[in-house]
């Protein structure tokens, strides 16, 4: 998280970051992440036939083993729709502001 160099929050934010580092939480989180990655790597099927079955299961959405499923465009379609609707609304409001400003400028 970035803060401006002269922000009034910077001193307090730096203090909290130092507490987290000094408590060893960053090192702990790093080691936990490495152990989790090793665990996932061990659980990932190596055999090509098993891998294709796992891929098919993940695509069907029936992953019982707790493995993660890669997101596709179909999964993110609603996010894109919300993004586009939000942008269209922002454009409409911007155009209304321009016309509103011109009307009050003339009057």
PDB file of N, CA and C in Angstrom:
ATOM      1  N   UNK A   1       0.855  -1.167   0.000  1.00  0.00           N
ATOM      2  CA  UNK A   1       0.000   0.000   0.000  1.00  0.00           C
ATOM      3  C   UNK A   1       0.894   1.220   0.000  1.00  0.00           C
ATOM      4  N   UNK A   2       0.663   2.090  -0.940  1.00  0.00           N
ATOM      5  CA  UNK A   2       1.490   3.272  -1.048  1.00  0.00           C
ATOM      6  C   UNK A   2       0.847   4.481  -0.406  1.00  0.00           C
ATOM      7  N   UNK A   3       1.658   5.245   0.268  1.00  0.00           N
ATOM      8  CA  UNK A   3       1.197   6.488   0.858  1.00  0.00           C
ATOM      9  C   UNK A   3       2.084   7.613   0.353  1.00  0.00           C
ATOM     10  N   UNK A   4       1.548   8.801   0.302  1.00  0.00           N
ATOM     11  CA  UNK A   4       2.361   9.947  -0.067  1.00  0.00           C
ATOM     12  C   UNK A   4       3.412  10.170   1.011  1.00  0.00           C
ATOM     13  N   UNK A   5       4.545  10.721   0.621  1.00  0.00           N
ATOM     14  CA  UNK A   5       5.653  10.838   1.560  1.00  0.00           C
ATOM     15  C   UNK A   5       5.346  11.762   2.736  1.00  0.00           C
ATOM     16  N   UNK A   6       4.474  12.728   2.568  1.00  0.00           N
ATOM     17  CA  UNK A   6       4.157  13.650   3.656  1.00  0.00           C
ATOM     18  C   UNK A   6       2.747  13.420   4.208  1.00  0.00           C
ATOM     19  N   UNK A   7       2.220  12.236   4.019  1.00  0.00           N
ATOM     20  CA  UNK A   7       0.891  11.919   4.518  1.00  0.00           C
ATOM     21  C   UNK A   7       0.912  11.830   6.043  1.00  0.00           C
ATOM     22  N   UNK A   8      -0.130  12.326   6.718  1.00  0.00           N
ATOM     23  CA  UNK A   8      -0.176  12.206   8.173  1.00  0.00           C
ATOM     24  C   UNK A   8      -0.317  10.759   8.646  1.00  0.00           C
ATOM     25  N   UNK A   9      -0.723   9.875   7.759  1.00  0.00           N
ATOM     26  CA  UNK A   9      -0.881   8.467   8.131  1.00  0.00           C
ATOM     27  C   UNK A   9       0.415   7.681   8.011  1.00  0.00           C
ATOM     28  N   UNK A  10       1.408   8.227   7.312  1.00  0.00           N
ATOM     29  CA  UNK A  10       2.628   7.479   7.013  1.00  0.00           C
ATOM     30  C   UNK A  10       3.365   7.038   8.271  1.00  0.00           C
ATOM     31  N   UNK A  11       3.486   7.893   9.266  1.00  0.00           N
ATOM     32  CA  UNK A  11       4.223   7.559  10.483  1.00  0.00           C
ATOM     33  C   UNK A  11       3.567   6.374  11.201  1.00  0.00           C
ATOM     34  N   UNK A  12       2.243   6.420  11.341  1.00  0.00           N
ATOM     35  CA  UNK A  12       1.528   5.323  12.007  1.00  0.00           C
ATOM     36  C   UNK A  12       1.580   4.040  11.184  1.00  0.00           C
ATOM     37  N   UNK A  13       1.453   4.171   9.876  1.00  0.00           N
ATOM     38  CA  UNK A  13       1.499   3.004   8.988  1.00  0.00           C
ATOM     39  C   UNK A  13       2.869   2.341   9.070  1.00  0.00           C
ATOM     40  N   UNK A  14       3.941   3.131   9.029  1.00  0.00           N
ATOM     41  CA  UNK A  14       5.290   2.581   9.134  1.00  0.00           C
ATOM     42  C   UNK A  14       5.496   1.879  10.471  1.00  0.00           C
ATOM     43  N   UNK A  15       4.911   2.419  11.536  1.00  0.00           N
ATOM     44  CA  UNK A  15       5.043   1.823  12.863  1.00  0.00           C
ATOM     45  C   UNK A  15       4.400   0.429  12.881  1.00  0.00           C
ATOM     46  N   UNK A  16       3.217   0.315  12.293  1.00  0.00           N
ATOM     47  CA  UNK A  16       2.518  -0.976  12.264  1.00  0.00           C
ATOM     48  C   UNK A  16       3.284  -1.979  11.394  1.00  0.00           C
ATOM     49  N   UNK A  17       3.799  -1.512  10.267  1.00  0.00           N
ATOM     50  CA  UNK A  17       4.582  -2.398   9.398  1.00  0.00           C
ATOM     51  C   UNK A  17       5.812  -2.902  10.143  1.00  0.00           C
ATOM     52  N   UNK A  18       6.480  -2.028  10.868  1.00  0.00           N
ATOM     53  CA  UNK A  18       7.650  -2.450  11.647  1.00  0.00           C
ATOM     54  C   UNK A  18       7.269  -3.473  12.703  1.00  0.00           C
ATOM     55  N   UNK A  19       6.139  -3.291  13.373  1.00  0.00           N
ATOM     56  CA  UNK A  19       5.684  -4.254  14.363  1.00  0.00           C
ATOM     57  C   UNK A  19       5.483  -5.634  13.735  1.00  0.00           C
ATOM     58  N   UNK A  20       4.863  -5.648  12.554  1.00  0.00           N
ATOM     59  CA  UNK A  20       4.596  -6.916  11.859  1.00  0.00           C
ATOM     60  C   UNK A  20       5.905  -7.599  11.490  1.00  0.00           C
ATOM     61  N   UNK A  21       6.864  -6.829  10.977  1.00  0.00           N
ATOM     62  CA  UNK A  21       8.155  -7.398  10.583  1.00  0.00           C
ATOM     63  C   UNK A  21       8.922  -7.876  11.804  1.00  0.00           C
ATOM     64  N   UNK A  22       8.970  -7.057  12.865  1.00  0.00           N
ATOM     65  CA  UNK A  22       9.713  -7.421  14.063  1.00  0.00           C
ATOM     66  C   UNK A  22       9.107  -8.629  14.772  1.00  0.00           C
ATOM     67  N   UNK A  23       7.807  -8.801  14.671  1.00  0.00           N
ATOM     68  CA  UNK A  23       7.156  -9.953  15.298  1.00  0.00           C
ATOM     69  C   UNK A  23       7.424 -11.241  14.526  1.00  0.00           C
ATOM     70  N   UNK A  24       8.004 -11.119  13.351  1.00  0.00           N
ATOM     71  CA  UNK A  24       8.326 -12.300  12.556  1.00  0.00           C
ATOM     72  C   UNK A  24       7.163 -12.814  11.736  1.00  0.00           C
ATOM     73  N   UNK A  25       6.105 -12.025  11.630  1.00  0.00           N
ATOM     74  CA  UNK A  25       4.929 -12.489  10.885  1.00  0.00           C
ATOM     75  C   UNK A  25       5.217 -12.622   9.394  1.00  0.00           C
ATOM     76  N   UNK A  26       6.028 -11.734   8.848  1.00  0.00           N
ATOM     77  CA  UNK A  26       6.338 -11.811   7.412  1.00  0.00           C
ATOM     78  C   UNK A  26       7.076 -13.099   7.116  1.00  0.00           C
ATOM     79  N   UNK A  27       8.082 -13.423   7.935  1.00  0.00           N
ATOM     80  CA  UNK A  27       8.830 -14.670   7.758  1.00  0.00           C
ATOM     81  C   UNK A  27       7.913 -15.881   7.929  1.00  0.00           C
ATOM     82  N   UNK A  28       7.030 -15.838   8.931  1.00  0.00           N
ATOM     83  CA  UNK A  28       6.090 -16.931   9.180  1.00  0.00           C
ATOM     84  C   UNK A  28       5.167 -17.134   7.983  1.00  0.00           C
ATOM     85  N   UNK A  29       4.604 -16.020   7.470  1.00  0.00           N
ATOM     86  CA  UNK A  29       3.704 -16.121   6.322  1.00  0.00           C
ATOM     87  C   UNK A  29       4.436 -16.660   5.101  1.00  0.00           C
ATOM     88  N   UNK A  30       5.695 -16.248   4.929  1.00  0.00           N
ATOM     89  CA  UNK A  30       6.490 -16.730   3.799  1.00  0.00           C
ATOM     90  C   UNK A  30       6.706 -18.234   3.902  1.00  0.00           C
ATOM     91  N   UNK A  31       7.093 -18.697   5.098  1.00  0.00           N
ATOM     92  CA  UNK A  31       7.323 -20.129   5.287  1.00  0.00           C
ATOM     93  C   UNK A  31       6.041 -20.932   5.127  1.00  0.00           C
ATOM     94  N   UNK A  32       4.919 -20.422   5.638  1.00  0.00           N
ATOM     95  CA  UNK A  32       3.627 -21.090   5.475  1.00  0.00           C
ATOM     96  C   UNK A  32       3.244 -21.192   4.002  1.00  0.00           C
ATOM     97  N   UNK A  33       3.517 -20.137   3.262  1.00  0.00           N
ATOM     98  CA  UNK A  33       3.211 -20.143   1.833  1.00  0.00           C
ATOM     99  C   UNK A  33       4.045 -21.187   1.112  1.00  0.00           C
ATOM    100  N   UNK A  34       5.314 -21.281   1.463  1.00  0.00           N
ATOM    101  CA  UNK A  34       6.173 -22.295   0.837  1.00  0.00           C
ATOM    102  C   UNK A  34       5.697 -23.704   1.164  1.00  0.00           C
ATOM    103  N   UNK A  35       5.337 -23.941   2.431  1.00  0.00           N
ATOM    104  CA  UNK A  35       4.844 -25.272   2.808  1.00  0.00           C
ATOM    105  C   UNK A  35       3.543 -25.592   2.081  1.00  0.00           C
ATOM    106  N   UNK A  36       2.665 -24.606   1.947  1.00  0.00           N
ATOM    107  CA  UNK A  36       1.410 -24.822   1.240  1.00  0.00           C
ATOM    108  C   UNK A  36       1.673 -25.141  -0.224  1.00  0.00           C
ATOM    109  N   UNK A  37       2.622 -24.430  -0.839  1.00  0.00           N
ATOM    110  CA  UNK A  37       2.949 -24.689  -2.247  1.00  0.00           C
ATOM    111  C   UNK A  37       3.520 -26.089  -2.420  1.00  0.00           C
ATOM    112  N   UNK A  38       4.371 -26.525  -1.484  1.00  0.00           N
ATOM    113  CA  UNK A  38       4.919 -27.877  -1.570  1.00  0.00           C
ATOM    114  C   UNK A  38       3.824 -28.924  -1.414  1.00  0.00           C
ATOM    115  N   UNK A  39       2.884 -28.665  -0.510  1.00  0.00           N
ATOM    116  CA  UNK A  39       1.773 -29.595  -0.298  1.00  0.00           C
ATOM    117  C   UNK A  39       0.927 -29.704  -1.562  1.00  0.00           C
ATOM    118  N   UNK A  40       0.620 -28.580  -2.170  1.00  0.00           N
ATOM    119  CA  UNK A  40      -0.165 -28.580  -3.414  1.00  0.00           C
ATOM    120  C   UNK A  40       0.592 -29.306  -4.515  1.00  0.00           C
ATOM    121  N   UNK A  41       1.900 -29.098  -4.601  1.00  0.00           N
ATOM    122  CA  UNK A  41       2.697 -29.751  -5.634  1.00  0.00           C
ATOM    123  C   UNK A  41       2.680 -31.260  -5.448  1.00  0.00           C
ATOM    124  N   UNK A  42       2.694 -31.723  -4.180  1.00  0.00           N
ATOM    125  CA  UNK A  42       2.643 -33.165  -3.922  1.00  0.00           C
ATOM    126  C   UNK A  42       1.291 -33.751  -4.304  1.00  0.00           C
ATOM    127  N   UNK A  43       0.227 -32.977  -4.129  1.00  0.00           N
ATOM    128  CA  UNK A  43      -1.115 -33.473  -4.417  1.00  0.00           C
ATOM    129  C   UNK A  43      -1.459 -33.394  -5.902  1.00  0.00           C
ATOM    130  N   UNK A  44      -0.696 -32.636  -6.669  1.00  0.00           N
ATOM    131  CA  UNK A  44      -0.977 -32.499  -8.089  1.00  0.00           C
ATOM    132  C   UNK A  44      -0.621 -33.799  -8.796  1.00  0.00           C
ATOM    133  N   UNK A  45      -1.549 -34.339  -9.575  1.00  0.00           N
ATOM    134  CA  UNK A  45      -1.269 -35.613 -10.266  1.00  0.00           C
ATOM    135  C   UNK A  45      -0.173 -35.445 -11.310  1.00  0.00           C
ATOM    136  N   UNK A  46       0.715 -36.445 -11.367  1.00  0.00           N
ATOM    137  CA  UNK A  46       1.820 -36.406 -12.319  1.00  0.00           C
ATOM    138  C   UNK A  46       1.482 -37.229 -13.554  1.00  0.00           C
ATOM    139  N   UNK A  47       0.759 -38.317 -13.377  1.00  0.00           N
ATOM    140  CA  UNK A  47       0.398 -39.189 -14.485  1.00  0.00           C
ATOM    141  C   UNK A  47      -0.489 -38.433 -15.460  1.00  0.00           C
ATOM    142  N   UNK A  48      -0.197 -38.528 -16.740  1.00  0.00           N
ATOM    143  CA  UNK A  48      -0.925 -37.778 -17.758  1.00  0.00           C
ATOM    144  C   UNK A  48      -2.411 -38.143 -17.781  1.00  0.00           C
ATOM    145  N   UNK A  49      -2.729 -39.426 -17.609  1.00  0.00           N
ATOM    146  CA  UNK A  49      -4.132 -39.836 -17.606  1.00  0.00           C
ATOM    147  C   UNK A  49      -4.870 -39.237 -16.417  1.00  0.00           C
ATOM    148  N   UNK A  50      -4.239 -39.280 -15.241  1.00  0.00           N
ATOM    149  CA  UNK A  50      -4.854 -38.683 -14.063  1.00  0.00           C
ATOM    150  C   UNK A  50      -5.028 -37.187 -14.240  1.00  0.00           C
ATOM    151  N   UNK A  51      -4.037 -36.548 -14.874  1.00  0.00           N
ATOM    152  CA  UNK A  51      -4.092 -35.111 -15.078  1.00  0.00           C
ATOM    153  C   UNK A  51      -5.260 -34.734 -15.979  1.00  0.00           C
ATOM    154  N   UNK A  52      -5.476 -35.505 -17.054  1.00  0.00           N
ATOM    155  CA  UNK A  52      -6.590 -35.190 -17.948  1.00  0.00           C
ATOM    156  C   UNK A  52      -7.926 -35.404 -17.245  1.00  0.00           C
ATOM    157  N   UNK A  53      -8.007 -36.425 -16.372  1.00  0.00           N
ATOM    158  CA  UNK A  53      -9.233 -36.629 -15.594  1.00  0.00           C
ATOM    159  C   UNK A  53      -9.469 -35.463 -14.640  1.00  0.00           C
ATOM    160  N   UNK A  54      -8.406 -35.026 -14.002  1.00  0.00           N
ATOM    161  CA  UNK A  54      -8.525 -33.895 -13.076  1.00  0.00           C
ATOM    162  C   UNK A  54      -8.968 -32.647 -13.810  1.00  0.00           C
ATOM    163  N   UNK A  55      -8.401 -32.405 -14.987  1.00  0.00           N
ATOM    164  CA  UNK A  55      -8.783 -31.235 -15.781  1.00  0.00           C
ATOM    165  C   UNK A  55     -10.260 -31.318 -16.154  1.00  0.00           C
ATOM    166  N   UNK A  56     -10.728 -32.488 -16.561  1.00  0.00           N
ATOM    167  CA  UNK A  56     -12.131 -32.650 -16.937  1.00  0.00           C
ATOM    168  C   UNK A  56     -13.030 -32.431 -15.724  1.00  0.00           C
ATOM    169  N   UNK A  57     -12.628 -32.965 -14.582  1.00  0.00           N
ATOM    170  CA  UNK A  57     -13.407 -32.787 -13.350  1.00  0.00           C
ATOM    171  C   UNK A  57     -13.475 -31.319 -12.992  1.00  0.00           C
ATOM    172  N   UNK A  58     -12.355 -30.610 -13.104  1.00  0.00           N
ATOM    173  CA  UNK A  58     -12.339 -29.186 -12.780  1.00  0.00           C
ATOM    174  C   UNK A  58     -13.204 -28.396 -13.747  1.00  0.00           C
ATOM    175  N   UNK A  59     -13.192 -28.775 -15.009  1.00  0.00           N
ATOM    176  CA  UNK A  59     -14.011 -28.067 -15.985  1.00  0.00           C
ATOM    177  C   UNK A  59     -15.487 -28.317 -15.726  1.00  0.00           C
ATOM    178  N   UNK A  60     -15.818 -29.495 -15.214  1.00  0.00           N
ATOM    179  CA  UNK A  60     -17.209 -29.801 -14.886  1.00  0.00           C
ATOM    180  C   UNK A  60     -17.644 -29.105 -13.605  1.00  0.00           C
ATOM    181  N   UNK A  61     -16.683 -28.594 -12.841  1.00  0.00           N
ATOM    182  CA  UNK A  61     -17.003 -27.903 -11.595  1.00  0.00           C
ATOM    183  C   UNK A  61     -17.232 -28.851 -10.433  1.00  0.00           C
ATOM    184  N   UNK A  62     -16.824 -30.111 -10.556  1.00  0.00           N
ATOM    185  CA  UNK A  62     -17.061 -31.095  -9.492  1.00  0.00           C
ATOM    186  C   UNK A  62     -15.739 -31.514  -8.875  1.00  0.00           C
ATOM    187  N   UNK A  63     -14.988 -30.567  -8.389  1.00  0.00           N
ATOM    188  CA  UNK A  63     -13.697 -30.867  -7.785  1.00  0.00           C
ATOM    189  C   UNK A  63     -13.893 -31.234  -6.323  1.00  0.00           C
ATOM    190  N   UNK A  64     -13.790 -32.525  -6.004  1.00  0.00           N
ATOM    191  CA  UNK A  64     -13.985 -32.983  -4.635  1.00  0.00           C
ATOM    192  C   UNK A  64     -12.699 -32.958  -3.829  1.00  0.00           C
ATOM    193  N   UNK A  65     -11.553 -32.906  -4.504  1.00  0.00           N
ATOM    194  CA  UNK A  65     -10.290 -33.016  -3.785  1.00  0.00           C
ATOM    195  C   UNK A  65      -9.818 -31.683  -3.228  1.00  0.00           C
ATOM    196  N   UNK A  66     -10.559 -30.612  -3.421  1.00  0.00           N
ATOM    197  CA  UNK A  66     -10.177 -29.322  -2.875  1.00  0.00           C
ATOM    198  C   UNK A  66      -9.178 -28.580  -3.735  1.00  0.00           C
ATOM    199  N   UNK A  67      -8.891 -29.085  -4.927  1.00  0.00           N
ATOM    200  CA  UNK A  67      -7.950 -28.404  -5.807  1.00  0.00           C
ATOM    201  C   UNK A  67      -8.609 -27.166  -6.388  1.00  0.00           C
ATOM    202  N   UNK A  68      -7.788 -26.214  -6.705  1.00  0.00           N
ATOM    203  CA  UNK A  68      -8.318 -24.983  -7.286  1.00  0.00           C
ATOM    204  C   UNK A  68      -8.639 -25.191  -8.754  1.00  0.00           C
ATOM    205  N   UNK A  69      -9.566 -24.394  -9.248  1.00  0.00           N
ATOM    206  CA  UNK A  69      -9.982 -24.491 -10.639  1.00  0.00           C
ATOM    207  C   UNK A  69      -9.585 -23.201 -11.349  1.00  0.00           C
ATOM    208  N   UNK A  70      -8.885 -23.282 -12.471  1.00  0.00           N
ATOM    209  CA  UNK A  70      -8.507 -22.061 -13.177  1.00  0.00           C
ATOM    210  C   UNK A  70      -9.745 -21.347 -13.707  1.00  0.00           C
ATOM    211  N   UNK A  71      -9.741 -20.029 -13.601  1.00  0.00           N
ATOM    212  CA  UNK A  71     -10.873 -19.241 -14.065  1.00  0.00           C
ATOM    213  C   UNK A  71     -10.799 -19.065 -15.574  1.00  0.00           C
ATOM    214  N   UNK A  72     -11.940 -19.098 -16.197  1.00  0.00           N
ATOM    215  CA  UNK A  72     -12.016 -18.853 -17.633  1.00  0.00           C
ATOM    216  C   UNK A  72     -12.817 -17.588 -17.866  1.00  0.00           C
ATOM    217  N   UNK A  73     -12.943 -17.204 -19.121  1.00  0.00           N
ATOM    218  CA  UNK A  73     -13.694 -15.992 -19.465  1.00  0.00           C
ATOM    219  C   UNK A  73     -15.160 -16.156 -19.062  1.00  0.00           C
ATOM    220  N   UNK A  74     -15.679 -17.370 -19.148  1.00  0.00           N
ATOM    221  CA  UNK A  74     -17.066 -17.596 -18.761  1.00  0.00           C
ATOM    222  C   UNK A  74     -17.284 -17.303 -17.272  1.00  0.00           C
ATOM    223  N   UNK A  75     -16.291 -17.641 -16.444  1.00  0.00           N
ATOM    224  CA  UNK A  75     -16.401 -17.369 -15.018  1.00  0.00           C
ATOM    225  C   UNK A  75     -16.404 -15.873 -14.724  1.00  0.00           C
ATOM    226  N   UNK A  76     -15.695 -15.114 -15.538  1.00  0.00           N
ATOM    227  CA  UNK A  76     -15.536 -13.682 -15.291  1.00  0.00           C
ATOM    228  C   UNK A  76     -16.498 -12.831 -16.108  1.00  0.00           C
ATOM    229  N   UNK A  77     -17.413 -13.445 -16.807  1.00  0.00           N
ATOM    230  CA  UNK A  77     -18.322 -12.717 -17.676  1.00  0.00           C
ATOM    231  C   UNK A  77     -19.133 -11.676 -16.899  1.00  0.00           C
ATOM    232  N   UNK A  78     -19.637 -12.019 -15.742  1.00  0.00           N
ATOM    233  CA  UNK A  78     -20.437 -11.065 -14.972  1.00  0.00           C
ATOM    234  C   UNK A  78     -19.593  -9.881 -14.509  1.00  0.00           C
ATOM    235  N   UNK A  79     -18.331 -10.117 -14.218  1.00  0.00           N
ATOM    236  CA  UNK A  79     -17.451  -9.018 -13.823  1.00  0.00           C
ATOM    237  C   UNK A  79     -17.299  -8.035 -14.979  1.00  0.00           C
ATOM    238  N   UNK A  80     -17.110  -8.552 -16.190  1.00  0.00           N
ATOM    239  CA  UNK A  80     -16.988  -7.681 -17.352  1.00  0.00           C
ATOM    240  C   UNK A  80     -18.274  -6.896 -17.594  1.00  0.00           C
ATOM    241  N   UNK A  81     -19.410  -7.542 -17.402  1.00  0.00           N
ATOM    242  CA  UNK A  81     -20.692  -6.854 -17.612  1.00  0.00           C
ATOM    243  C   UNK A  81     -20.856  -5.723 -16.606  1.00  0.00           C
ATOM    244  N   UNK A  82     -20.555  -5.987 -15.340  1.00  0.00           N
ATOM    245  CA  UNK A  82     -20.646  -4.941 -14.316  1.00  0.00           C
ATOM    246  C   UNK A  82     -19.682  -3.804 -14.640  1.00  0.00           C
ATOM    247  N   UNK A  83     -18.488  -4.136 -15.093  1.00  0.00           N
ATOM    248  CA  UNK A  83     -17.496  -3.132 -15.455  1.00  0.00           C
ATOM    249  C   UNK A  83     -18.005  -2.260 -16.605  1.00  0.00           C
ATOM    250  N   UNK A  84     -18.555  -2.879 -17.636  1.00  0.00           N
ATOM    251  CA  UNK A  84     -19.054  -2.123 -18.781  1.00  0.00           C
ATOM    252  C   UNK A  84     -20.252  -1.251 -18.402  1.00  0.00           C
ATOM    253  N   UNK A  85     -21.180  -1.796 -17.617  1.00  0.00           N
ATOM    254  CA  UNK A  85     -22.340  -1.016 -17.190  1.00  0.00           C
ATOM    255  C   UNK A  85     -21.887   0.177 -16.357  1.00  0.00           C
ATOM    256  N   UNK A  86     -20.939  -0.032 -15.469  1.00  0.00           N
ATOM    257  CA  UNK A  86     -20.414   1.063 -14.650  1.00  0.00           C
ATOM    258  C   UNK A  86     -19.766   2.139 -15.489  1.00  0.00           C
ATOM    259  N   UNK A  87     -18.990   1.730 -16.495  1.00  0.00           N
ATOM    260  CA  UNK A  87     -18.365   2.712 -17.386  1.00  0.00           C
ATOM    261  C   UNK A  87     -19.404   3.472 -18.200  1.00  0.00           C
ATOM    262  N   UNK A  88     -20.417   2.778 -18.697  1.00  0.00           N
ATOM    263  CA  UNK A  88     -21.469   3.458 -19.455  1.00  0.00           C
ATOM    264  C   UNK A  88     -22.213   4.463 -18.579  1.00  0.00           C
ATOM    265  N   UNK A  89     -22.495   4.088 -17.348  1.00  0.00           N
ATOM    266  CA  UNK A  89     -23.165   5.007 -16.437  1.00  0.00           C
ATOM    267  C   UNK A  89     -22.287   6.228 -16.166  1.00  0.00           C
ATOM    268  N   UNK A  90     -20.994   6.020 -16.006  1.00  0.00           N
ATOM    269  CA  UNK A  90     -20.074   7.127 -15.760  1.00  0.00           C
ATOM    270  C   UNK A  90     -20.034   8.069 -16.961  1.00  0.00           C
ATOM    271  N   UNK A  91     -20.046   7.517 -18.163  1.00  0.00           N
ATOM    272  CA  UNK A  91     -20.040   8.347 -19.364  1.00  0.00           C
ATOM    273  C   UNK A  91     -21.318   9.166 -19.456  1.00  0.00           C
ATOM    274  N   UNK A  92     -22.459   8.537 -19.174  1.00  0.00           N
ATOM    275  CA  UNK A  92     -23.739   9.252 -19.220  1.00  0.00           C
ATOM    276  C   UNK A  92     -23.750  10.387 -18.198  1.00  0.00           C
ATOM    277  N   UNK A  93     -23.298  10.130 -16.987  1.00  0.00           N
ATOM    278  CA  UNK A  93     -23.261  11.169 -15.956  1.00  0.00           C
ATOM    279  C   UNK A  93     -22.312  12.288 -16.365  1.00  0.00           C
ATOM    280  N   UNK A  94     -21.185  11.934 -16.962  1.00  0.00           N
ATOM    281  CA  UNK A  94     -20.225  12.949 -17.415  1.00  0.00           C
ATOM    282  C   UNK A  94     -20.841  13.847 -18.481  1.00  0.00           C
ATOM    283  N   UNK A  95     -21.549  13.245 -19.433  1.00  0.00           N
ATOM    284  CA  UNK A  95     -22.208  14.041 -20.491  1.00  0.00           C
ATOM    285  C   UNK A  95     -23.273  14.937 -19.880  1.00  0.00           C
ATOM    286  N   UNK A  96     -24.035  14.424 -18.923  1.00  0.00           N
ATOM    287  CA  UNK A  96     -25.054  15.243 -18.243  1.00  0.00           C
ATOM    288  C   UNK A  96     -24.379  16.412 -17.526  1.00  0.00           C
ATOM    289  N   UNK A  97     -23.254  16.176 -16.882  1.00  0.00           N
ATOM    290  CA  UNK A  97     -22.542  17.256 -16.194  1.00  0.00           C
ATOM    291  C   UNK A  97     -22.067  18.318 -17.180  1.00  0.00           C
ATOM    292  N   UNK A  98     -21.601  17.890 -18.326  1.00  0.00           N
ATOM    293  CA  UNK A  98     -21.148  18.864 -19.336  1.00  0.00           C
ATOM    294  C   UNK A  98     -22.312  19.731 -19.789  1.00  0.00           C
ATOM    295  N   UNK A  99     -23.446  19.110 -20.140  1.00  0.00           N
ATOM    296  CA  UNK A  99     -24.608  19.887 -20.564  1.00  0.00           C
ATOM    297  C   UNK A  99     -25.151  20.756 -19.438  1.00  0.00           C
ATOM    298  N   UNK A 100     -25.167  20.246 -18.223  1.00  0.00           N
ATOM    299  CA  UNK A 100     -25.650  21.006 -17.070  1.00  0.00           C
ATOM    300  C   UNK A 100     -24.764  22.235 -16.841  1.00  0.00           C
ATOM    301  N   UNK A 101     -23.467  22.054 -16.985  1.00  0.00           N
ATOM    302  CA  UNK A 101     -22.535  23.167 -16.829  1.00  0.00           C
ATOM    303  C   UNK A 101     -22.716  24.227 -17.903  1.00  0.00           C
ATOM    304  N   UNK A 102     -22.958  23.801 -19.140  1.00  0.00           N
ATOM    305  CA  UNK A 102     -23.158  24.761 -20.233  1.00  0.00           C
ATOM    306  C   UNK A 102     -24.458  25.527 -20.088  1.00  0.00           C
ATOM    307  N   UNK A 103     -25.509  24.842 -19.581  1.00  0.00           N
ATOM    308  CA  UNK A 103     -26.792  25.501 -19.394  1.00  0.00           C
ATOM    309  C   UNK A 103     -26.658  26.579 -18.310  1.00  0.00           C
ATOM    310  N   UNK A 104     -25.994  26.264 -17.223  1.00  0.00           N
ATOM    311  CA  UNK A 104     -25.852  27.229 -16.139  1.00  0.00           C
ATOM    312  C   UNK A 104     -24.835  28.316 -16.486  1.00  0.00           C
ATOM    313  N   UNK A 105     -23.920  28.023 -17.390  1.00  0.00           N
ATOM    314  CA  UNK A 105     -22.941  29.003 -17.832  1.00  0.00           C
ATOM    315  C   UNK A 105     -23.623  30.081 -18.680  1.00  0.00           C
ATOM    316  N   UNK A 106     -24.599  29.682 -19.484  1.00  0.00           N
ATOM    317  CA  UNK A 106     -25.329  30.620 -20.336  1.00  0.00           C
ATOM    318  C   UNK A 106     -26.347  31.433 -19.548  1.00  0.00           C
ATOM    319  N   UNK A 107     -26.870  30.858 -18.510  1.00  0.00           N
ATOM    320  CA  UNK A 107     -27.964  31.478 -17.758  1.00  0.00           C
ATOM    321  C   UNK A 107     -27.551  32.404 -16.714  1.00  0.00           C
TER     322      UNK A 107
END
